[in-house]
N, C-alpha and C. Protein backbone atom coordinates (compact mmCIF):
# COMPACT_ATOMS: atom_id res chain seq x y z
N MET A 1 -12.32 30.63 70.88
CA MET A 1 -13.67 30.20 71.18
C MET A 1 -14.59 30.56 70.02
N ASP A 2 -15.44 29.64 69.65
CA ASP A 2 -16.45 29.86 68.61
C ASP A 2 -17.82 29.61 69.22
N VAL A 3 -18.77 30.48 68.92
CA VAL A 3 -20.13 30.28 69.39
C VAL A 3 -21.08 30.30 68.20
N GLN A 4 -22.21 29.64 68.40
CA GLN A 4 -23.26 29.63 67.41
C GLN A 4 -24.46 30.32 68.06
N VAL A 5 -24.98 31.35 67.39
CA VAL A 5 -26.10 32.12 67.92
C VAL A 5 -27.29 31.92 66.99
N PHE A 6 -28.39 31.41 67.56
CA PHE A 6 -29.63 31.23 66.81
C PHE A 6 -30.58 32.34 67.22
N GLY A 7 -31.12 33.07 66.25
CA GLY A 7 -32.05 34.14 66.56
C GLY A 7 -32.50 34.82 65.29
N VAL A 8 -33.13 35.98 65.46
CA VAL A 8 -33.55 36.79 64.31
C VAL A 8 -33.05 38.21 64.52
N GLN A 9 -32.82 38.91 63.43
CA GLN A 9 -32.28 40.26 63.49
C GLN A 9 -33.20 41.22 64.24
N LYS A 10 -34.51 40.98 64.21
CA LYS A 10 -35.46 41.88 64.87
C LYS A 10 -35.41 41.76 66.39
N SER A 11 -34.84 40.69 66.91
CA SER A 11 -34.80 40.45 68.35
C SER A 11 -33.70 41.30 69.00
N ALA A 12 -34.10 42.16 69.93
CA ALA A 12 -33.13 43.02 70.62
C ALA A 12 -32.12 42.17 71.39
N ASP A 13 -32.56 41.09 72.05
CA ASP A 13 -31.64 40.25 72.81
C ASP A 13 -30.65 39.54 71.89
N THR A 14 -31.09 39.16 70.71
CA THR A 14 -30.17 38.54 69.75
C THR A 14 -29.11 39.54 69.33
N ARG A 15 -29.52 40.77 69.03
CA ARG A 15 -28.55 41.79 68.63
C ARG A 15 -27.57 42.08 69.77
N LYS A 16 -28.07 42.12 71.02
CA LYS A 16 -27.18 42.36 72.16
C LYS A 16 -26.19 41.21 72.33
N ALA A 17 -26.64 39.98 72.09
CA ALA A 17 -25.75 38.83 72.20
C ALA A 17 -24.65 38.91 71.13
N LEU A 18 -25.03 39.23 69.91
CA LEU A 18 -24.05 39.34 68.83
C LEU A 18 -23.03 40.42 69.15
N ARG A 19 -23.51 41.54 69.69
CA ARG A 19 -22.61 42.64 70.07
C ARG A 19 -21.68 42.20 71.20
N PHE A 20 -22.21 41.49 72.20
CA PHE A 20 -21.41 41.01 73.32
C PHE A 20 -20.22 40.20 72.83
N PHE A 21 -20.47 39.24 71.95
CA PHE A 21 -19.40 38.38 71.46
C PHE A 21 -18.46 39.13 70.52
N LYS A 22 -19.01 40.00 69.69
CA LYS A 22 -18.17 40.77 68.76
C LYS A 22 -17.20 41.66 69.52
N GLU A 23 -17.68 42.32 70.59
CA GLU A 23 -16.82 43.19 71.39
C GLU A 23 -15.67 42.43 72.03
N ARG A 24 -15.87 41.14 72.26
CA ARG A 24 -14.85 40.31 72.90
C ARG A 24 -14.08 39.48 71.89
N ARG A 25 -14.25 39.82 70.62
CA ARG A 25 -13.54 39.17 69.50
C ARG A 25 -13.72 37.65 69.49
N VAL A 26 -14.94 37.23 69.75
CA VAL A 26 -15.28 35.81 69.70
C VAL A 26 -15.86 35.53 68.32
N ASN A 27 -15.42 34.43 67.71
CA ASN A 27 -15.96 34.04 66.41
C ASN A 27 -17.41 33.61 66.59
N VAL A 28 -18.30 34.24 65.83
CA VAL A 28 -19.72 33.96 65.94
C VAL A 28 -20.26 33.45 64.61
N HIS A 29 -20.96 32.34 64.69
CA HIS A 29 -21.70 31.85 63.54
C HIS A 29 -23.17 32.14 63.83
N PHE A 30 -23.72 33.13 63.13
CA PHE A 30 -25.11 33.54 63.36
C PHE A 30 -26.04 32.77 62.45
N VAL A 31 -27.05 32.14 63.03
CA VAL A 31 -28.07 31.44 62.26
C VAL A 31 -29.35 32.25 62.37
N ASP A 32 -29.72 32.90 61.28
CA ASP A 32 -30.94 33.69 61.24
C ASP A 32 -32.11 32.72 61.05
N LEU A 33 -32.93 32.60 62.09
CA LEU A 33 -34.01 31.62 62.07
C LEU A 33 -35.12 31.98 61.07
N LYS A 34 -35.13 33.21 60.59
CA LYS A 34 -36.11 33.56 59.55
C LYS A 34 -35.65 33.03 58.19
N VAL A 35 -34.33 32.86 58.05
CA VAL A 35 -33.77 32.35 56.80
C VAL A 35 -33.66 30.83 56.84
N ARG A 36 -33.15 30.31 57.94
CA ARG A 36 -32.93 28.86 58.06
C ARG A 36 -33.30 28.44 59.47
N ALA A 37 -34.30 27.60 59.59
CA ALA A 37 -34.75 27.13 60.90
C ALA A 37 -33.70 26.21 61.52
N ALA A 38 -33.67 26.19 62.84
CA ALA A 38 -32.78 25.26 63.54
C ALA A 38 -33.31 23.84 63.32
N SER A 39 -32.40 22.90 63.23
CA SER A 39 -32.81 21.51 63.01
C SER A 39 -33.43 20.96 64.29
N LYS A 40 -34.21 19.89 64.15
CA LYS A 40 -34.80 19.25 65.33
C LYS A 40 -33.70 18.76 66.26
N GLY A 41 -32.62 18.26 65.68
CA GLY A 41 -31.50 17.76 66.49
C GLY A 41 -30.90 18.87 67.33
N GLU A 42 -30.73 20.04 66.73
CA GLU A 42 -30.18 21.19 67.45
C GLU A 42 -31.14 21.62 68.56
N LEU A 43 -32.42 21.71 68.24
CA LEU A 43 -33.41 22.09 69.25
C LEU A 43 -33.50 21.07 70.37
N THR A 44 -33.31 19.79 70.02
CA THR A 44 -33.37 18.73 71.03
C THR A 44 -32.30 18.94 72.10
N ARG A 45 -31.11 19.40 71.71
CA ARG A 45 -30.06 19.68 72.69
C ARG A 45 -30.53 20.68 73.73
N PHE A 46 -31.18 21.75 73.25
CA PHE A 46 -31.65 22.79 74.15
C PHE A 46 -32.81 22.28 75.02
N VAL A 47 -33.69 21.48 74.44
CA VAL A 47 -34.82 20.92 75.20
C VAL A 47 -34.31 19.98 76.28
N GLN A 48 -33.29 19.18 75.98
CA GLN A 48 -32.75 18.25 76.97
C GLN A 48 -32.19 18.99 78.17
N LYS A 49 -31.62 20.18 77.94
CA LYS A 49 -31.04 20.93 79.04
C LYS A 49 -32.06 21.82 79.75
N PHE A 50 -32.90 22.51 79.00
CA PHE A 50 -33.80 23.52 79.57
C PHE A 50 -35.27 23.11 79.60
N GLY A 51 -35.62 22.03 78.91
CA GLY A 51 -37.02 21.64 78.80
C GLY A 51 -37.72 22.50 77.76
N VAL A 52 -38.88 22.05 77.32
CA VAL A 52 -39.63 22.81 76.31
C VAL A 52 -39.99 24.19 76.86
N ASP A 53 -40.43 24.25 78.12
CA ASP A 53 -40.82 25.54 78.69
C ASP A 53 -39.64 26.50 78.79
N GLY A 54 -38.43 25.97 78.86
CA GLY A 54 -37.25 26.81 78.94
C GLY A 54 -36.90 27.51 77.64
N ILE A 55 -37.32 26.94 76.51
CA ILE A 55 -36.99 27.56 75.22
C ILE A 55 -38.21 28.14 74.51
N LEU A 56 -39.39 27.85 75.02
CA LEU A 56 -40.63 28.33 74.41
C LEU A 56 -40.96 29.71 74.97
N ASP A 57 -41.16 30.68 74.08
CA ASP A 57 -41.49 32.05 74.50
C ASP A 57 -43.00 32.21 74.48
N ARG A 58 -43.62 31.94 75.63
CA ARG A 58 -45.08 32.03 75.74
C ARG A 58 -45.58 33.47 75.67
N ASP A 59 -44.67 34.44 75.79
CA ASP A 59 -45.05 35.86 75.73
C ASP A 59 -44.91 36.45 74.33
N SER A 60 -44.46 35.64 73.37
CA SER A 60 -44.23 36.17 72.02
C SER A 60 -45.55 36.44 71.31
N LYS A 61 -45.49 37.39 70.39
CA LYS A 61 -46.67 37.72 69.58
C LYS A 61 -47.11 36.51 68.78
N ARG A 62 -46.13 35.77 68.27
CA ARG A 62 -46.44 34.60 67.44
C ARG A 62 -47.20 33.54 68.25
N PHE A 63 -46.82 33.35 69.51
CA PHE A 63 -47.48 32.39 70.38
C PHE A 63 -48.96 32.76 70.52
N ALA A 64 -49.21 34.04 70.77
CA ALA A 64 -50.59 34.52 70.94
C ALA A 64 -51.36 34.42 69.63
N SER A 65 -50.74 34.81 68.52
CA SER A 65 -51.45 34.81 67.24
C SER A 65 -51.80 33.39 66.77
N MET A 66 -51.02 32.41 67.23
CA MET A 66 -51.31 31.01 66.86
C MET A 66 -52.32 30.38 67.83
N GLY A 67 -52.70 31.11 68.87
CA GLY A 67 -53.68 30.60 69.81
C GLY A 67 -53.20 29.40 70.60
N LEU A 68 -51.93 29.40 70.99
CA LEU A 68 -51.35 28.23 71.66
C LEU A 68 -51.47 28.29 73.19
N GLY A 69 -52.11 29.32 73.72
CA GLY A 69 -52.20 29.51 75.17
C GLY A 69 -52.79 28.34 75.92
N VAL A 70 -53.69 27.61 75.30
CA VAL A 70 -54.34 26.49 75.98
C VAL A 70 -53.88 25.14 75.42
N ALA A 71 -52.87 25.17 74.57
CA ALA A 71 -52.39 23.94 73.92
C ALA A 71 -51.72 23.01 74.93
N LEU A 72 -52.08 21.75 74.88
CA LEU A 72 -51.47 20.73 75.73
C LEU A 72 -50.82 19.68 74.83
N TYR A 73 -49.62 20.01 74.36
CA TYR A 73 -48.90 19.12 73.46
C TYR A 73 -47.81 18.36 74.22
N SER A 74 -47.42 17.24 73.65
CA SER A 74 -46.28 16.50 74.20
C SER A 74 -45.01 17.26 73.84
N ASP A 75 -43.91 16.95 74.53
CA ASP A 75 -42.63 17.58 74.21
C ASP A 75 -42.24 17.32 72.77
N LYS A 76 -42.54 16.11 72.29
CA LYS A 76 -42.20 15.76 70.91
C LYS A 76 -42.96 16.66 69.93
N ARG A 77 -44.24 16.89 70.19
CA ARG A 77 -45.04 17.75 69.31
C ARG A 77 -44.57 19.20 69.39
N TRP A 78 -44.24 19.67 70.61
CA TRP A 78 -43.72 21.04 70.75
C TRP A 78 -42.44 21.19 69.94
N LEU A 79 -41.59 20.16 69.96
CA LEU A 79 -40.34 20.22 69.21
C LEU A 79 -40.61 20.38 67.72
N GLU A 80 -41.60 19.66 67.20
CA GLU A 80 -41.98 19.78 65.79
C GLU A 80 -42.47 21.20 65.49
N ILE A 81 -43.30 21.74 66.40
CA ILE A 81 -43.84 23.08 66.20
C ILE A 81 -42.72 24.12 66.23
N LEU A 82 -41.79 23.98 67.20
CA LEU A 82 -40.68 24.93 67.30
C LEU A 82 -39.77 24.88 66.09
N ALA A 83 -39.59 23.71 65.52
CA ALA A 83 -38.76 23.58 64.31
C ALA A 83 -39.43 24.29 63.13
N GLU A 84 -40.76 24.27 63.08
CA GLU A 84 -41.50 24.91 62.00
C GLU A 84 -41.73 26.40 62.24
N GLU A 85 -41.82 26.79 63.51
CA GLU A 85 -42.15 28.17 63.88
C GLU A 85 -41.08 28.75 64.81
N PRO A 86 -39.94 29.13 64.28
CA PRO A 86 -38.84 29.59 65.14
C PRO A 86 -39.16 30.86 65.94
N LEU A 87 -40.17 31.63 65.53
CA LEU A 87 -40.50 32.84 66.28
C LEU A 87 -41.15 32.52 67.63
N LEU A 88 -41.39 31.25 67.90
CA LEU A 88 -41.91 30.83 69.20
C LEU A 88 -40.78 30.60 70.21
N LEU A 89 -39.54 30.66 69.75
CA LEU A 89 -38.39 30.39 70.63
C LEU A 89 -37.99 31.62 71.44
N ARG A 90 -37.52 31.38 72.66
CA ARG A 90 -36.87 32.45 73.42
C ARG A 90 -35.52 32.68 72.77
N MET A 91 -35.21 33.91 72.46
CA MET A 91 -33.98 34.18 71.72
C MET A 91 -33.04 35.04 72.54
N PRO A 92 -31.76 34.91 72.27
CA PRO A 92 -31.13 33.96 71.36
C PRO A 92 -30.86 32.62 72.04
N LEU A 93 -30.72 31.60 71.22
CA LEU A 93 -30.19 30.32 71.67
C LEU A 93 -28.71 30.36 71.33
N VAL A 94 -27.86 30.11 72.30
CA VAL A 94 -26.41 30.21 72.07
C VAL A 94 -25.76 28.88 72.44
N ARG A 95 -24.87 28.43 71.55
CA ARG A 95 -24.14 27.18 71.79
C ARG A 95 -22.65 27.42 71.67
N ASN A 96 -21.92 26.95 72.67
CA ASN A 96 -20.46 26.98 72.67
C ASN A 96 -20.03 25.55 72.94
N LYS A 97 -19.73 24.82 71.88
CA LYS A 97 -19.45 23.37 71.96
C LYS A 97 -20.64 22.70 72.64
N ASN A 98 -20.46 22.15 73.85
CA ASN A 98 -21.56 21.48 74.56
C ASN A 98 -22.24 22.38 75.57
N LEU A 99 -21.82 23.64 75.66
CA LEU A 99 -22.42 24.58 76.60
C LEU A 99 -23.54 25.34 75.89
N LEU A 100 -24.67 25.49 76.59
CA LEU A 100 -25.85 26.10 75.99
C LEU A 100 -26.41 27.20 76.87
N SER A 101 -27.04 28.18 76.24
CA SER A 101 -27.78 29.20 76.98
C SER A 101 -29.00 29.60 76.17
N VAL A 102 -30.01 30.12 76.89
CA VAL A 102 -31.24 30.59 76.27
C VAL A 102 -31.50 32.00 76.74
N GLY A 103 -31.84 32.89 75.80
CA GLY A 103 -32.09 34.27 76.16
C GLY A 103 -30.79 35.03 76.35
N PHE A 104 -30.91 36.30 76.75
CA PHE A 104 -29.71 37.11 76.97
C PHE A 104 -29.11 36.68 78.30
N ALA A 105 -27.95 36.02 78.26
CA ALA A 105 -27.33 35.41 79.45
C ALA A 105 -25.88 35.85 79.56
N GLU A 106 -25.67 37.13 79.73
CA GLU A 106 -24.32 37.69 79.75
C GLU A 106 -23.43 37.05 80.81
N GLU A 107 -23.95 36.81 82.00
CA GLU A 107 -23.15 36.21 83.08
C GLU A 107 -22.69 34.80 82.70
N VAL A 108 -23.55 34.03 82.08
CA VAL A 108 -23.20 32.68 81.63
C VAL A 108 -22.08 32.75 80.59
N TRP A 109 -22.20 33.68 79.64
CA TRP A 109 -21.22 33.80 78.58
C TRP A 109 -19.86 34.23 79.15
N LYS A 110 -19.88 35.09 80.15
CA LYS A 110 -18.62 35.50 80.77
C LYS A 110 -17.94 34.32 81.44
N GLU A 111 -18.72 33.42 82.06
CA GLU A 111 -18.17 32.21 82.66
C GLU A 111 -17.49 31.33 81.61
N TRP A 112 -18.11 31.24 80.43
CA TRP A 112 -17.55 30.44 79.35
C TRP A 112 -16.17 30.93 78.96
N MET A 113 -15.95 32.22 79.07
CA MET A 113 -14.67 32.80 78.66
C MET A 113 -13.59 32.68 79.73
N GLY A 114 -14.02 32.29 80.91
CA GLY A 114 -13.05 32.09 82.00
C GLY A 114 -12.64 33.31 82.65
């Protein structure tokens, strides 16, 4: 099994996810969103499954500092913003082929392993 983990090193949940997979000897491809942003296509997969509200971290410092609390954007505009500002994402975003999860989702990941 190979998984792709999108997140940043400063995120405690991202570090816990990386540790979870490493302890189970799962091949992990880590995408540090501070170094390389997720593509719109990749983010679209997560939005299709969870919706914009499912991947948008409204409690993040970045969300507050950008003054987005009253923003009424379309999903398409949110997708553009999330592609440019990865610190607005709930982390980690994890992909295992066509299976997706958002945030620290240990129970979901255990199901993936059978």
